[in-house]
Amino acid sequence: MKGDKIAPGFVVCVANEGAEDLEIRKVYQVIPDRAATRDGFLRVLDESGEDYLYPSTYFVSVRVPPAARELMAISGRR
């Protein structure tokens, strides 16, 4: 996935080695960060509600219907 362009949106966690604040099979919101993506990372809102960088290999992109996308994006904000 390194170097892949990932549009702002959502990903599902498929690995969390060394990142106990991520839950496998949970959907996370991606925060756009070109520099991080170039380096093989994604900036996601994790369980703490803060955005952090994680290896892009920990995630798979998912499509979320527009109505659900709005609700999920709002719920991730404080």
PDB file of N, CA and C in Angstrom:
ATOM      1  N   MET A   1       0.824  -1.186   0.000  1.00  0.00           N
ATOM      2  CA  MET A   1       0.000   0.000   0.000  1.00  0.00           C
ATOM      3  C   MET A   1       0.868   1.249   0.000  1.00  0.00           C
ATOM      4  N   LYS A   2       2.148   1.120   0.303  1.00  0.00           N
ATOM      5  CA  LYS A   2       3.028   2.277   0.323  1.00  0.00           C
ATOM      6  C   LYS A   2       3.006   2.971  -1.034  1.00  0.00           C
ATOM      7  N   GLY A   3       2.839   4.268  -0.996  1.00  0.00           N
ATOM      8  CA  GLY A   3       2.799   5.047  -2.211  1.00  0.00           C
ATOM      9  C   GLY A   3       1.416   5.144  -2.834  1.00  0.00           C
ATOM     10  N   ASP A   4       0.486   4.302  -2.398  1.00  0.00           N
ATOM     11  CA  ASP A   4      -0.875   4.385  -2.914  1.00  0.00           C
ATOM     12  C   ASP A   4      -1.493   5.707  -2.475  1.00  0.00           C
ATOM     13  N   LYS A   5      -2.325   6.273  -3.340  1.00  0.00           N
ATOM     14  CA  LYS A   5      -3.042   7.481  -2.965  1.00  0.00           C
ATOM     15  C   LYS A   5      -4.311   7.071  -2.252  1.00  0.00           C
ATOM     16  N   ILE A   6      -4.496   7.578  -1.049  1.00  0.00           N
ATOM     17  CA  ILE A   6      -5.690   7.261  -0.286  1.00  0.00           C
ATOM     18  C   ILE A   6      -6.459   8.546  -0.069  1.00  0.00           C
ATOM     19  N   ALA A   7      -7.662   8.572  -0.582  1.00  0.00           N
ATOM     20  CA  ALA A   7      -8.511   9.746  -0.450  1.00  0.00           C
ATOM     21  C   ALA A   7      -8.972   9.856   0.992  1.00  0.00           C
ATOM     22  N   PRO A   8      -9.289  11.073   1.419  1.00  0.00           N
ATOM     23  CA  PRO A   8      -9.850  11.203   2.761  1.00  0.00           C
ATOM     24  C   PRO A   8     -11.059  10.286   2.865  1.00  0.00           C
ATOM     25  N   GLY A   9     -11.159   9.592   3.926  1.00  0.00           N
ATOM     26  CA  GLY A   9     -12.276   8.675   4.066  1.00  0.00           C
ATOM     27  C   GLY A   9     -12.071   7.750   5.240  1.00  0.00           C
ATOM     28  N   PHE A  10     -12.305   6.471   4.986  1.00  0.00           N
ATOM     29  CA  PHE A  10     -12.293   5.502   6.068  1.00  0.00           C
ATOM     30  C   PHE A  10     -11.505   4.263   5.692  1.00  0.00           C
ATOM     31  N   VAL A  11     -10.939   3.630   6.708  1.00  0.00           N
ATOM     32  CA  VAL A  11     -10.175   2.400   6.561  1.00  0.00           C
ATOM     33  C   VAL A  11     -10.595   1.439   7.660  1.00  0.00           C
ATOM     34  N   VAL A  12     -10.386   0.156   7.417  1.00  0.00           N
ATOM     35  CA  VAL A  12     -10.618  -0.834   8.462  1.00  0.00           C
ATOM     36  C   VAL A  12      -9.244  -1.348   8.896  1.00  0.00           C
ATOM     37  N   CYS A  13      -9.074  -1.505  10.198  1.00  0.00           N
ATOM     38  CA  CYS A  13      -7.813  -1.974  10.762  1.00  0.00           C
ATOM     39  C   CYS A  13      -7.702  -3.481  10.585  1.00  0.00           C
ATOM     40  N   VAL A  14      -6.582  -3.951  10.029  1.00  0.00           N
ATOM     41  CA  VAL A  14      -6.361  -5.378   9.823  1.00  0.00           C
ATOM     42  C   VAL A  14      -5.147  -5.884  10.598  1.00  0.00           C
ATOM     43  N   ALA A  15      -4.411  -4.971  11.240  1.00  0.00           N
ATOM     44  CA  ALA A  15      -3.243  -5.335  12.050  1.00  0.00           C
ATOM     45  C   ALA A  15      -3.005  -4.211  13.049  1.00  0.00           C
ATOM     46  N   ASN A  16      -2.414  -4.560  14.198  1.00  0.00           N
ATOM     47  CA  ASN A  16      -2.137  -3.514  15.194  1.00  0.00           C
ATOM     48  C   ASN A  16      -0.894  -3.805  16.024  1.00  0.00           C
ATOM     49  N   GLU A  17       0.045  -4.525  15.456  1.00  0.00           N
ATOM     50  CA  GLU A  17       1.275  -4.884  16.169  1.00  0.00           C
ATOM     51  C   GLU A  17       1.955  -3.632  16.733  1.00  0.00           C
ATOM     52  N   GLY A  18       2.078  -3.588  18.052  1.00  0.00           N
ATOM     53  CA  GLY A  18       2.711  -2.448  18.705  1.00  0.00           C
ATOM     54  C   GLY A  18       1.828  -1.219  18.806  1.00  0.00           C
ATOM     55  N   ALA A  19       0.589  -1.328  18.427  1.00  0.00           N
ATOM     56  CA  ALA A  19      -0.338  -0.187  18.465  1.00  0.00           C
ATOM     57  C   ALA A  19      -1.623  -0.635  19.154  1.00  0.00           C
ATOM     58  N   GLU A  20      -1.555  -0.805  20.457  1.00  0.00           N
ATOM     59  CA  GLU A  20      -2.691  -1.310  21.215  1.00  0.00           C
ATOM     60  C   GLU A  20      -3.895  -0.372  21.199  1.00  0.00           C
ATOM     61  N   ASP A  21      -3.700   0.864  20.752  1.00  0.00           N
ATOM     62  CA  ASP A  21      -4.805   1.813  20.691  1.00  0.00           C
ATOM     63  C   ASP A  21      -5.635   1.649  19.411  1.00  0.00           C
ATOM     64  N   LEU A  22      -5.293   0.658  18.583  1.00  0.00           N
ATOM     65  CA  LEU A  22      -6.086   0.330  17.403  1.00  0.00           C
ATOM     66  C   LEU A  22      -6.774  -1.010  17.625  1.00  0.00           C
ATOM     67  N   GLU A  23      -8.023  -1.110  17.175  1.00  0.00           N
ATOM     68  CA  GLU A  23      -8.764  -2.360  17.288  1.00  0.00           C
ATOM     69  C   GLU A  23      -8.909  -2.993  15.911  1.00  0.00           C
ATOM     70  N   ILE A  24      -8.496  -4.252  15.798  1.00  0.00           N
ATOM     71  CA  ILE A  24      -8.634  -4.975  14.535  1.00  0.00           C
ATOM     72  C   ILE A  24     -10.119  -5.107  14.203  1.00  0.00           C
ATOM     73  N   ARG A  25     -10.451  -4.949  12.932  1.00  0.00           N
ATOM     74  CA  ARG A  25     -11.808  -5.000  12.364  1.00  0.00           C
ATOM     75  C   ARG A  25     -12.631  -3.750  12.659  1.00  0.00           C
ATOM     76  N   LYS A  26     -12.031  -2.732  13.224  1.00  0.00           N
ATOM     77  CA  LYS A  26     -12.759  -1.486  13.473  1.00  0.00           C
ATOM     78  C   LYS A  26     -12.471  -0.502  12.341  1.00  0.00           C
ATOM     79  N   VAL A  27     -13.470   0.318  12.012  1.00  0.00           N
ATOM     80  CA  VAL A  27     -13.335   1.328  10.965  1.00  0.00           C
ATOM     81  C   VAL A  27     -12.846   2.631  11.597  1.00  0.00           C
ATOM     82  N   TYR A  28     -11.863   3.250  10.942  1.00  0.00           N
ATOM     83  CA  TYR A  28     -11.276   4.508  11.413  1.00  0.00           C
ATOM     84  C   TYR A  28     -11.336   5.557  10.315  1.00  0.00           C
ATOM     85  N   GLN A  29     -11.452   6.805  10.731  1.00  0.00           N
ATOM     86  CA  GLN A  29     -11.453   7.922   9.789  1.00  0.00           C
ATOM     87  C   GLN A  29     -10.012   8.320   9.469  1.00  0.00           C
ATOM     88  N   VAL A  30      -9.746   8.530   8.185  1.00  0.00           N
ATOM     89  CA  VAL A  30      -8.424   8.947   7.722  1.00  0.00           C
ATOM     90  C   VAL A  30      -8.383  10.473   7.635  1.00  0.00           C
ATOM     91  N   ILE A  31      -7.308  11.049   8.141  1.00  0.00           N
ATOM     92  CA  ILE A  31      -7.063  12.485   8.014  1.00  0.00           C
ATOM     93  C   ILE A  31      -6.032  12.653   6.892  1.00  0.00           C
ATOM     94  N   PRO A  32      -6.343  13.426   5.840  1.00  0.00           N
ATOM     95  CA  PRO A  32      -5.392  13.575   4.732  1.00  0.00           C
ATOM     96  C   PRO A  32      -4.036  14.103   5.204  1.00  0.00           C
ATOM     97  N   ASP A  33      -2.964  13.443   4.769  1.00  0.00           N
ATOM     98  CA  ASP A  33      -1.597  13.846   5.101  1.00  0.00           C
ATOM     99  C   ASP A  33      -0.685  13.280   4.016  1.00  0.00           C
ATOM    100  N   ARG A  34      -0.413  14.083   3.000  1.00  0.00           N
ATOM    101  CA  ARG A  34       0.385  13.623   1.852  1.00  0.00           C
ATOM    102  C   ARG A  34       1.767  13.156   2.247  1.00  0.00           C
ATOM    103  N   ALA A  35       2.433  13.888   3.127  1.00  0.00           N
ATOM    104  CA  ALA A  35       3.788  13.513   3.531  1.00  0.00           C
ATOM    105  C   ALA A  35       3.793  12.148   4.210  1.00  0.00           C
ATOM    106  N   ALA A  36       2.824  11.912   5.074  1.00  0.00           N
ATOM    107  CA  ALA A  36       2.729  10.629   5.767  1.00  0.00           C
ATOM    108  C   ALA A  36       2.471   9.504   4.768  1.00  0.00           C
ATOM    109  N   THR A  37       1.561   9.732   3.831  1.00  0.00           N
ATOM    110  CA  THR A  37       1.233   8.717   2.831  1.00  0.00           C
ATOM    111  C   THR A  37       2.450   8.383   1.987  1.00  0.00           C
ATOM    112  N   ARG A  38       3.221   9.398   1.608  1.00  0.00           N
ATOM    113  CA  ARG A  38       4.446   9.164   0.832  1.00  0.00           C
ATOM    114  C   ARG A  38       5.418   8.269   1.590  1.00  0.00           C
ATOM    115  N   ASP A  39       5.437   8.403   2.909  1.00  0.00           N
ATOM    116  CA  ASP A  39       6.362   7.638   3.736  1.00  0.00           C
ATOM    117  C   ASP A  39       5.787   6.298   4.195  1.00  0.00           C
ATOM    118  N   GLY A  40       4.591   5.937   3.702  1.00  0.00           N
ATOM    119  CA  GLY A  40       3.995   4.645   4.028  1.00  0.00           C
ATOM    120  C   GLY A  40       3.164   4.630   5.298  1.00  0.00           C
ATOM    121  N   PHE A  41       2.689   5.805   5.715  1.00  0.00           N
ATOM    122  CA  PHE A  41       1.862   5.906   6.919  1.00  0.00           C
ATOM    123  C   PHE A  41       0.505   6.523   6.586  1.00  0.00           C
ATOM    124  N   LEU A  42      -0.434   6.326   7.500  1.00  0.00           N
ATOM    125  CA  LEU A  42      -1.732   6.991   7.435  1.00  0.00           C
ATOM    126  C   LEU A  42      -1.958   7.737   8.738  1.00  0.00           C
ATOM    127  N   ARG A  43      -2.603   8.883   8.641  1.00  0.00           N
ATOM    128  CA  ARG A  43      -3.003   9.628   9.836  1.00  0.00           C
ATOM    129  C   ARG A  43      -4.466   9.286  10.081  1.00  0.00           C
ATOM    130  N   VAL A  44      -4.735   8.621  11.198  1.00  0.00           N
ATOM    131  CA  VAL A  44      -6.104   8.211  11.510  1.00  0.00           C
ATOM    132  C   VAL A  44      -6.502   8.686  12.900  1.00  0.00           C
ATOM    133  N   LEU A  45      -7.810   8.852  13.086  1.00  0.00           N
ATOM    134  CA  LEU A  45      -8.346   9.137  14.413  1.00  0.00           C
ATOM    135  C   LEU A  45      -8.460   7.804  15.132  1.00  0.00           C
ATOM    136  N   ASP A  46      -7.721   7.646  16.237  1.00  0.00           N
ATOM    137  CA  ASP A  46      -7.737   6.365  16.932  1.00  0.00           C
ATOM    138  C   ASP A  46      -8.699   6.377  18.111  1.00  0.00           C
ATOM    139  N   GLU A  47      -8.594   5.381  18.968  1.00  0.00           N
ATOM    140  CA  GLU A  47      -9.505   5.235  20.105  1.00  0.00           C
ATOM    141  C   GLU A  47      -9.491   6.431  21.055  1.00  0.00           C
ATOM    142  N   SER A  48      -8.384   7.156  21.101  1.00  0.00           N
ATOM    143  CA  SER A  48      -8.290   8.315  21.992  1.00  0.00           C
ATOM    144  C   SER A  48      -9.036   9.525  21.437  1.00  0.00           C
ATOM    145  N   GLY A  49      -9.430   9.454  20.157  1.00  0.00           N
ATOM    146  CA  GLY A  49     -10.080  10.598  19.517  1.00  0.00           C
ATOM    147  C   GLY A  49      -9.081  11.579  18.931  1.00  0.00           C
ATOM    148  N   GLU A  50      -7.802  11.248  19.045  1.00  0.00           N
ATOM    149  CA  GLU A  50      -6.730  12.078  18.486  1.00  0.00           C
ATOM    150  C   GLU A  50      -6.225  11.432  17.203  1.00  0.00           C
ATOM    151  N   ASP A  51      -5.602  12.233  16.335  1.00  0.00           N
ATOM    152  CA  ASP A  51      -5.045  11.657  15.115  1.00  0.00           C
ATOM    153  C   ASP A  51      -3.562  11.346  15.309  1.00  0.00           C
ATOM    154  N   TYR A  52      -3.176  10.156  14.843  1.00  0.00           N
ATOM    155  CA  TYR A  52      -1.802   9.675  14.946  1.00  0.00           C
ATOM    156  C   TYR A  52      -1.427   8.971  13.650  1.00  0.00           C
ATOM    157  N   LEU A  53      -0.120   8.832  13.433  1.00  0.00           N
ATOM    158  CA  LEU A  53       0.377   8.113  12.271  1.00  0.00           C
ATOM    159  C   LEU A  53       0.555   6.639  12.600  1.00  0.00           C
ATOM    160  N   TYR A  54       0.108   5.804  11.659  1.00  0.00           N
ATOM    161  CA  TYR A  54       0.268   4.355  11.776  1.00  0.00           C
ATOM    162  C   TYR A  54       0.705   3.826  10.418  1.00  0.00           C
ATOM    163  N   PRO A  55       1.401   2.690  10.384  1.00  0.00           N
ATOM    164  CA  PRO A  55       1.785   2.107   9.087  1.00  0.00           C
ATOM    165  C   PRO A  55       0.548   1.845   8.228  1.00  0.00           C
ATOM    166  N   SER A  56       0.636   2.199   6.968  1.00  0.00           N
ATOM    167  CA  SER A  56      -0.515   2.015   6.070  1.00  0.00           C
ATOM    168  C   SER A  56      -0.863   0.538   5.900  1.00  0.00           C
ATOM    169  N   THR A  57       0.092  -0.350   6.162  1.00  0.00           N
ATOM    170  CA  THR A  57      -0.165  -1.786   6.041  1.00  0.00           C
ATOM    171  C   THR A  57      -1.112  -2.297   7.114  1.00  0.00           C
ATOM    172  N   TYR A  58      -1.406  -1.492   8.112  1.00  0.00           N
ATOM    173  CA  TYR A  58      -2.345  -1.871   9.174  1.00  0.00           C
ATOM    174  C   TYR A  58      -3.798  -1.688   8.750  1.00  0.00           C
ATOM    175  N   PHE A  59      -4.028  -1.126   7.549  1.00  0.00           N
ATOM    176  CA  PHE A  59      -5.376  -0.740   7.138  1.00  0.00           C
ATOM    177  C   PHE A  59      -5.697  -1.149   5.711  1.00  0.00           C
ATOM    178  N   VAL A  60      -6.996  -1.274   5.457  1.00  0.00           N
ATOM    179  CA  VAL A  60      -7.525  -1.483   4.118  1.00  0.00           C
ATOM    180  C   VAL A  60      -8.617  -0.440   3.920  1.00  0.00           C
ATOM    181  N   SER A  61      -8.590   0.235   2.783  1.00  0.00           N
ATOM    182  CA  SER A  61      -9.612   1.248   2.485  1.00  0.00           C
ATOM    183  C   SER A  61     -10.984   0.606   2.344  1.00  0.00           C
ATOM    184  N   VAL A  62     -12.006   1.322   2.825  1.00  0.00           N
ATOM    185  CA  VAL A  62     -13.384   0.853   2.694  1.00  0.00           C
ATOM    186  C   VAL A  62     -14.247   1.995   2.185  1.00  0.00           C
ATOM    187  N   ARG A  63     -15.265   1.637   1.428  1.00  0.00           N
ATOM    188  CA  ARG A  63     -16.236   2.629   0.966  1.00  0.00           C
ATOM    189  C   ARG A  63     -17.378   2.677   1.966  1.00  0.00           C
ATOM    190  N   VAL A  64     -17.743   3.882   2.324  1.00  0.00           N
ATOM    191  CA  VAL A  64     -18.824   4.088   3.284  1.00  0.00           C
ATOM    192  C   VAL A  64     -19.910   4.899   2.581  1.00  0.00           C
ATOM    193  N   PRO A  65     -21.170   4.463   2.662  1.00  0.00           N
ATOM    194  CA  PRO A  65     -22.250   5.229   2.029  1.00  0.00           C
ATOM    195  C   PRO A  65     -22.275   6.668   2.558  1.00  0.00           C
ATOM    196  N   PRO A  66     -22.661   7.631   1.710  1.00  0.00           N
ATOM    197  CA  PRO A  66     -22.645   9.044   2.106  1.00  0.00           C
ATOM    198  C   PRO A  66     -23.343   9.339   3.436  1.00  0.00           C
ATOM    199  N   ALA A  67     -24.506   8.794   3.676  1.00  0.00           N
ATOM    200  CA  ALA A  67     -25.223   9.081   4.926  1.00  0.00           C
ATOM    201  C   ALA A  67     -24.436   8.581   6.131  1.00  0.00           C
ATOM    202  N   ALA A  68     -23.867   7.408   6.025  1.00  0.00           N
ATOM    203  CA  ALA A  68     -23.066   6.861   7.120  1.00  0.00           C
ATOM    204  C   ALA A  68     -21.764   7.638   7.274  1.00  0.00           C
ATOM    205  N   ARG A  69     -21.181   8.068   6.154  1.00  0.00           N
ATOM    206  CA  ARG A  69     -19.926   8.830   6.174  1.00  0.00           C
ATOM    207  C   ARG A  69     -20.087  10.095   7.025  1.00  0.00           C
ATOM    208  N   GLU A  70     -21.181  10.813   6.817  1.00  0.00           N
ATOM    209  CA  GLU A  70     -21.428  12.044   7.577  1.00  0.00           C
ATOM    210  C   GLU A  70     -21.550  11.751   9.072  1.00  0.00           C
ATOM    211  N   LEU A  71     -22.291  10.726   9.424  1.00  0.00           N
ATOM    212  CA  LEU A  71     -22.462  10.370  10.838  1.00  0.00           C
ATOM    213  C   LEU A  71     -21.155   9.918  11.465  1.00  0.00           C
ATOM    214  N   MET A  72     -20.379   9.129  10.732  1.00  0.00           N
ATOM    215  CA  MET A  72     -19.117   8.633  11.272  1.00  0.00           C
ATOM    216  C   MET A  72     -18.110   9.754  11.431  1.00  0.00           C
ATOM    217  N   ALA A  73     -18.061  10.675  10.500  1.00  0.00           N
ATOM    218  CA  ALA A  73     -17.124  11.792  10.591  1.00  0.00           C
ATOM    219  C   ALA A  73     -17.488  12.690  11.763  1.00  0.00           C
ATOM    220  N   ILE A  74     -18.763  12.917  11.976  1.00  0.00           N
ATOM    221  CA  ILE A  74     -19.202  13.761  13.092  1.00  0.00           C
ATOM    222  C   ILE A  74     -18.893  13.094  14.422  1.00  0.00           C
ATOM    223  N   SER A  75     -19.119  11.791  14.520  1.00  0.00           N
ATOM    224  CA  SER A  75     -18.904  11.114  15.798  1.00  0.00           C
ATOM    225  C   SER A  75     -17.435  11.082  16.191  1.00  0.00           C
ATOM    226  N   GLY A  76     -16.536  11.233  15.225  1.00  0.00           N
ATOM    227  CA  GLY A  76     -15.116  11.229  15.532  1.00  0.00           C
ATOM    228  C   GLY A  76     -14.593  12.563  16.028  1.00  0.00           C
ATOM    229  N   ARG A  77     -15.424  13.603  15.951  1.00  0.00           N
ATOM    230  CA  ARG A  77     -15.011  14.943  16.403  1.00  0.00           C
ATOM    231  C   ARG A  77     -15.376  15.144  17.846  1.00  0.00           C
ATOM    232  N   ARG A  78     -14.598  15.978  18.516  1.00  0.00           N
ATOM    233  CA  ARG A  78     -14.902  16.317  19.914  1.00  0.00           C
ATOM    234  C   ARG A  78     -15.658  17.591  19.994  1.00  0.00           C
TER     235      ARG A  78
END
